[in-house]
PDB file of N, CA and C in Angstrom:
ATOM      1  N   UNK A   1      -8.168  25.790  -4.227  1.00  0.00           N
ATOM      2  CA  UNK A   1      -7.220  25.020  -5.011  1.00  0.00           C
ATOM      3  C   UNK A   1      -7.844  23.656  -5.331  1.00  0.00           C
ATOM      4  N   UNK A   2      -7.939  23.343  -6.611  1.00  0.00           N
ATOM      5  CA  UNK A   2      -8.527  22.075  -7.031  1.00  0.00           C
ATOM      6  C   UNK A   2      -7.474  20.982  -7.069  1.00  0.00           C
ATOM      7  N   UNK A   3      -7.867  19.762  -6.707  1.00  0.00           N
ATOM      8  CA  UNK A   3      -6.911  18.646  -6.789  1.00  0.00           C
ATOM      9  C   UNK A   3      -6.594  18.315  -8.240  1.00  0.00           C
ATOM     10  N   UNK A   4      -5.398  17.791  -8.464  1.00  0.00           N
ATOM     11  CA  UNK A   4      -5.016  17.377  -9.807  1.00  0.00           C
ATOM     12  C   UNK A   4      -5.816  16.143 -10.212  1.00  0.00           C
ATOM     13  N   UNK A   5      -6.096  16.040 -11.485  1.00  0.00           N
ATOM     14  CA  UNK A   5      -6.797  14.866 -12.002  1.00  0.00           C
ATOM     15  C   UNK A   5      -5.853  13.675 -12.028  1.00  0.00           C
ATOM     16  N   UNK A   6      -6.377  12.539 -11.716  1.00  0.00           N
ATOM     17  CA  UNK A   6      -5.611  11.294 -11.767  1.00  0.00           C
ATOM     18  C   UNK A   6      -5.943  10.590 -13.067  1.00  0.00           C
ATOM     19  N   UNK A   7      -4.956  10.477 -13.937  1.00  0.00           N
ATOM     20  CA  UNK A   7      -5.168   9.836 -15.232  1.00  0.00           C
ATOM     21  C   UNK A   7      -5.050   8.324 -15.071  1.00  0.00           C
ATOM     22  N   UNK A   8      -6.090   7.614 -15.459  1.00  0.00           N
ATOM     23  CA  UNK A   8      -6.106   6.161 -15.311  1.00  0.00           C
ATOM     24  C   UNK A   8      -6.256   5.447 -16.643  1.00  0.00           C
ATOM     25  N   UNK A   9      -6.152   6.173 -17.749  1.00  0.00           N
ATOM     26  CA  UNK A   9      -6.370   5.551 -19.047  1.00  0.00           C
ATOM     27  C   UNK A   9      -5.287   4.549 -19.432  1.00  0.00           C
ATOM     28  N   UNK A  10      -4.141   4.578 -18.760  1.00  0.00           N
ATOM     29  CA  UNK A  10      -3.079   3.621 -19.066  1.00  0.00           C
ATOM     30  C   UNK A  10      -2.999   2.491 -18.034  1.00  0.00           C
ATOM     31  N   UNK A  11      -3.994   2.427 -17.138  1.00  0.00           N
ATOM     32  CA  UNK A  11      -4.023   1.401 -16.104  1.00  0.00           C
ATOM     33  C   UNK A  11      -4.994   0.300 -16.530  1.00  0.00           C
ATOM     34  N   UNK A  12      -4.534  -0.944 -16.457  1.00  0.00           N
ATOM     35  CA  UNK A  12      -5.399  -2.077 -16.761  1.00  0.00           C
ATOM     36  C   UNK A  12      -6.484  -2.164 -15.692  1.00  0.00           C
ATOM     37  N   UNK A  13      -7.738  -2.109 -16.112  1.00  0.00           N
ATOM     38  CA  UNK A  13      -8.857  -2.107 -15.168  1.00  0.00           C
ATOM     39  C   UNK A  13      -8.892  -3.370 -14.317  1.00  0.00           C
ATOM     40  N   UNK A  14      -8.542  -4.511 -14.906  1.00  0.00           N
ATOM     41  CA  UNK A  14      -8.520  -5.759 -14.146  1.00  0.00           C
ATOM     42  C   UNK A  14      -7.460  -5.749 -13.075  1.00  0.00           C
ATOM     43  N   UNK A  15      -6.285  -5.192 -13.414  1.00  0.00           N
ATOM     44  CA  UNK A  15      -5.201  -5.091 -12.433  1.00  0.00           C
ATOM     45  C   UNK A  15      -5.618  -4.154 -11.302  1.00  0.00           C
ATOM     46  N   UNK A  16      -6.202  -3.021 -11.647  1.00  0.00           N
ATOM     47  CA  UNK A  16      -6.642  -2.075 -10.624  1.00  0.00           C
ATOM     48  C   UNK A  16      -7.677  -2.707  -9.704  1.00  0.00           C
ATOM     49  N   UNK A  17      -8.620  -3.444 -10.260  1.00  0.00           N
ATOM     50  CA  UNK A  17      -9.632  -4.119  -9.440  1.00  0.00           C
ATOM     51  C   UNK A  17      -8.987  -5.166  -8.532  1.00  0.00           C
ATOM     52  N   UNK A  18      -8.010  -5.908  -9.061  1.00  0.00           N
ATOM     53  CA  UNK A  18      -7.318  -6.918  -8.253  1.00  0.00           C
ATOM     54  C   UNK A  18      -6.538  -6.265  -7.118  1.00  0.00           C
ATOM     55  N   UNK A  19      -5.908  -5.135  -7.395  1.00  0.00           N
ATOM     56  CA  UNK A  19      -5.137  -4.424  -6.370  1.00  0.00           C
ATOM     57  C   UNK A  19      -6.062  -3.899  -5.276  1.00  0.00           C
ATOM     58  N   UNK A  20      -7.183  -3.305  -5.670  1.00  0.00           N
ATOM     59  CA  UNK A  20      -8.129  -2.802  -4.675  1.00  0.00           C
ATOM     60  C   UNK A  20      -8.630  -3.951  -3.804  1.00  0.00           C
ATOM     61  N   UNK A  21      -8.975  -5.062  -4.429  1.00  0.00           N
ATOM     62  CA  UNK A  21      -9.412  -6.231  -3.658  1.00  0.00           C
ATOM     63  C   UNK A  21      -8.328  -6.733  -2.715  1.00  0.00           C
ATOM     64  N   UNK A  22      -7.089  -6.690  -3.181  1.00  0.00           N
ATOM     65  CA  UNK A  22      -5.973  -7.119  -2.347  1.00  0.00           C
ATOM     66  C   UNK A  22      -5.877  -6.243  -1.093  1.00  0.00           C
ATOM     67  N   UNK A  23      -5.976  -4.928  -1.268  1.00  0.00           N
ATOM     68  CA  UNK A  23      -5.862  -4.030  -0.113  1.00  0.00           C
ATOM     69  C   UNK A  23      -7.076  -4.110   0.808  1.00  0.00           C
ATOM     70  N   UNK A  24      -8.230  -4.490   0.287  1.00  0.00           N
ATOM     71  CA  UNK A  24      -9.394  -4.726   1.145  1.00  0.00           C
ATOM     72  C   UNK A  24      -9.121  -5.941   2.030  1.00  0.00           C
ATOM     73  N   UNK A  25      -8.541  -6.989   1.431  1.00  0.00           N
ATOM     74  CA  UNK A  25      -8.267  -8.220   2.163  1.00  0.00           C
ATOM     75  C   UNK A  25      -7.005  -8.152   3.021  1.00  0.00           C
ATOM     76  N   UNK A  26      -6.075  -7.262   2.688  1.00  0.00           N
ATOM     77  CA  UNK A  26      -4.784  -7.171   3.381  1.00  0.00           C
ATOM     78  C   UNK A  26      -4.458  -5.729   3.745  1.00  0.00           C
ATOM     79  N   UNK A  27      -5.203  -5.146   4.683  1.00  0.00           N
ATOM     80  CA  UNK A  27      -4.975  -3.738   5.031  1.00  0.00           C
ATOM     81  C   UNK A  27      -3.577  -3.460   5.586  1.00  0.00           C
ATOM     82  N   UNK A  28      -2.898  -4.472   6.052  1.00  0.00           N
ATOM     83  CA  UNK A  28      -1.539  -4.272   6.580  1.00  0.00           C
ATOM     84  C   UNK A  28      -0.551  -3.843   5.502  1.00  0.00           C
ATOM     85  N   UNK A  29      -0.906  -4.017   4.242  1.00  0.00           N
ATOM     86  CA  UNK A  29      -0.025  -3.627   3.138  1.00  0.00           C
ATOM     87  C   UNK A  29      -0.277  -2.198   2.657  1.00  0.00           C
ATOM     88  N   UNK A  30      -1.312  -1.563   3.154  1.00  0.00           N
ATOM     89  CA  UNK A  30      -1.695  -0.246   2.643  1.00  0.00           C
ATOM     90  C   UNK A  30      -0.642   0.828   2.873  1.00  0.00           C
ATOM     91  N   UNK A  31       0.122   0.743   3.931  1.00  0.00           N
ATOM     92  CA  UNK A  31       1.136   1.771   4.225  1.00  0.00           C
ATOM     93  C   UNK A  31       2.180   1.868   3.121  1.00  0.00           C
ATOM     94  N   UNK A  32       2.364   0.808   2.368  1.00  0.00           N
ATOM     95  CA  UNK A  32       3.388   0.788   1.316  1.00  0.00           C
ATOM     96  C   UNK A  32       2.856   1.245  -0.043  1.00  0.00           C
ATOM     97  N   UNK A  33       1.576   1.581  -0.134  1.00  0.00           N
ATOM     98  CA  UNK A  33       1.004   1.989  -1.423  1.00  0.00           C
ATOM     99  C   UNK A  33       1.814   3.144  -2.008  1.00  0.00           C
ATOM    100  N   UNK A  34       2.161   3.005  -3.275  1.00  0.00           N
ATOM    101  CA  UNK A  34       2.885   4.061  -3.970  1.00  0.00           C
ATOM    102  C   UNK A  34       4.377   3.855  -4.054  1.00  0.00           C
ATOM    103  N   UNK A  35       4.899   2.910  -3.303  1.00  0.00           N
ATOM    104  CA  UNK A  35       6.344   2.685  -3.345  1.00  0.00           C
ATOM    105  C   UNK A  35       6.694   1.713  -4.474  1.00  0.00           C
ATOM    106  N   UNK A  36       7.867   1.890  -5.069  1.00  0.00           N
ATOM    107  CA  UNK A  36       8.296   0.953  -6.113  1.00  0.00           C
ATOM    108  C   UNK A  36       8.358  -0.498  -5.613  1.00  0.00           C
ATOM    109  N   UNK A  37       8.786  -0.684  -4.382  1.00  0.00           N
ATOM    110  CA  UNK A  37       8.880  -2.039  -3.826  1.00  0.00           C
ATOM    111  C   UNK A  37       7.498  -2.679  -3.703  1.00  0.00           C
ATOM    112  N   UNK A  38       6.511  -1.890  -3.328  1.00  0.00           N
ATOM    113  CA  UNK A  38       5.147  -2.428  -3.194  1.00  0.00           C
ATOM    114  C   UNK A  38       4.585  -2.782  -4.566  1.00  0.00           C
ATOM    115  N   UNK A  39       4.865  -1.971  -5.556  1.00  0.00           N
ATOM    116  CA  UNK A  39       4.408  -2.287  -6.912  1.00  0.00           C
ATOM    117  C   UNK A  39       5.013  -3.603  -7.389  1.00  0.00           C
ATOM    118  N   UNK A  40       6.291  -3.795  -7.150  1.00  0.00           N
ATOM    119  CA  UNK A  40       6.952  -5.046  -7.535  1.00  0.00           C
ATOM    120  C   UNK A  40       6.356  -6.230  -6.767  1.00  0.00           C
ATOM    121  N   UNK A  41       6.050  -6.031  -5.483  1.00  0.00           N
ATOM    122  CA  UNK A  41       5.449  -7.093  -4.682  1.00  0.00           C
ATOM    123  C   UNK A  41       4.074  -7.463  -5.231  1.00  0.00           C
ATOM    124  N   UNK A  42       3.294  -6.441  -5.612  1.00  0.00           N
ATOM    125  CA  UNK A  42       1.967  -6.703  -6.185  1.00  0.00           C
ATOM    126  C   UNK A  42       2.076  -7.470  -7.499  1.00  0.00           C
ATOM    127  N   UNK A  43       3.014  -7.088  -8.337  1.00  0.00           N
ATOM    128  CA  UNK A  43       3.190  -7.806  -9.612  1.00  0.00           C
ATOM    129  C   UNK A  43       3.505  -9.269  -9.358  1.00  0.00           C
ATOM    130  N   UNK A  44       4.314  -9.549  -8.332  1.00  0.00           N
ATOM    131  CA  UNK A  44       4.670 -10.929  -8.015  1.00  0.00           C
ATOM    132  C   UNK A  44       3.480 -11.671  -7.391  1.00  0.00           C
ATOM    133  N   UNK A  45       2.703 -10.982  -6.569  1.00  0.00           N
ATOM    134  CA  UNK A  45       1.594 -11.627  -5.866  1.00  0.00           C
ATOM    135  C   UNK A  45       0.348 -11.770  -6.735  1.00  0.00           C
ATOM    136  N   UNK A  46       0.191 -10.900  -7.714  1.00  0.00           N
ATOM    137  CA  UNK A  46      -0.971 -10.931  -8.601  1.00  0.00           C
ATOM    138  C   UNK A  46      -0.501 -11.173 -10.030  1.00  0.00           C
ATOM    139  N   UNK A  47       0.149 -12.311 -10.284  1.00  0.00           N
ATOM    140  CA  UNK A  47       0.770 -12.526 -11.607  1.00  0.00           C
ATOM    141  C   UNK A  47      -0.221 -12.588 -12.761  1.00  0.00           C
ATOM    142  N   UNK A  48      -1.476 -12.932 -12.482  1.00  0.00           N
ATOM    143  CA  UNK A  48      -2.459 -12.997 -13.551  1.00  0.00           C
ATOM    144  C   UNK A  48      -2.871 -11.605 -14.005  1.00  0.00           C
ATOM    145  N   UNK A  49      -2.504 -10.599 -13.244  1.00  0.00           N
ATOM    146  CA  UNK A  49      -2.822  -9.207 -13.570  1.00  0.00           C
ATOM    147  C   UNK A  49      -1.528  -8.410 -13.609  1.00  0.00           C
ATOM    148  N   UNK A  50      -0.815  -8.476 -14.692  1.00  0.00           N
ATOM    149  CA  UNK A  50       0.466  -7.773 -14.815  1.00  0.00           C
ATOM    150  C   UNK A  50       0.227  -6.322 -15.179  1.00  0.00           C
ATOM    151  N   UNK A  51       0.371  -5.426 -14.183  1.00  0.00           N
ATOM    152  CA  UNK A  51       0.124  -3.996 -14.377  1.00  0.00           C
ATOM    153  C   UNK A  51       1.156  -3.362 -15.202  1.00  0.00           C
TER     154      UNK A  51
END
């Protein structure tokens, strides 16, 4: 069984890079990845990169 492809063409590359850097620096936030609340928190914390 092959994994599904993850489409990233609608994701801002700068925002994605900022998010990855954030999780490298703040591993305590990783458990919340994928939740709507975490996405809202990231938008507030990384305002220069509005995903």
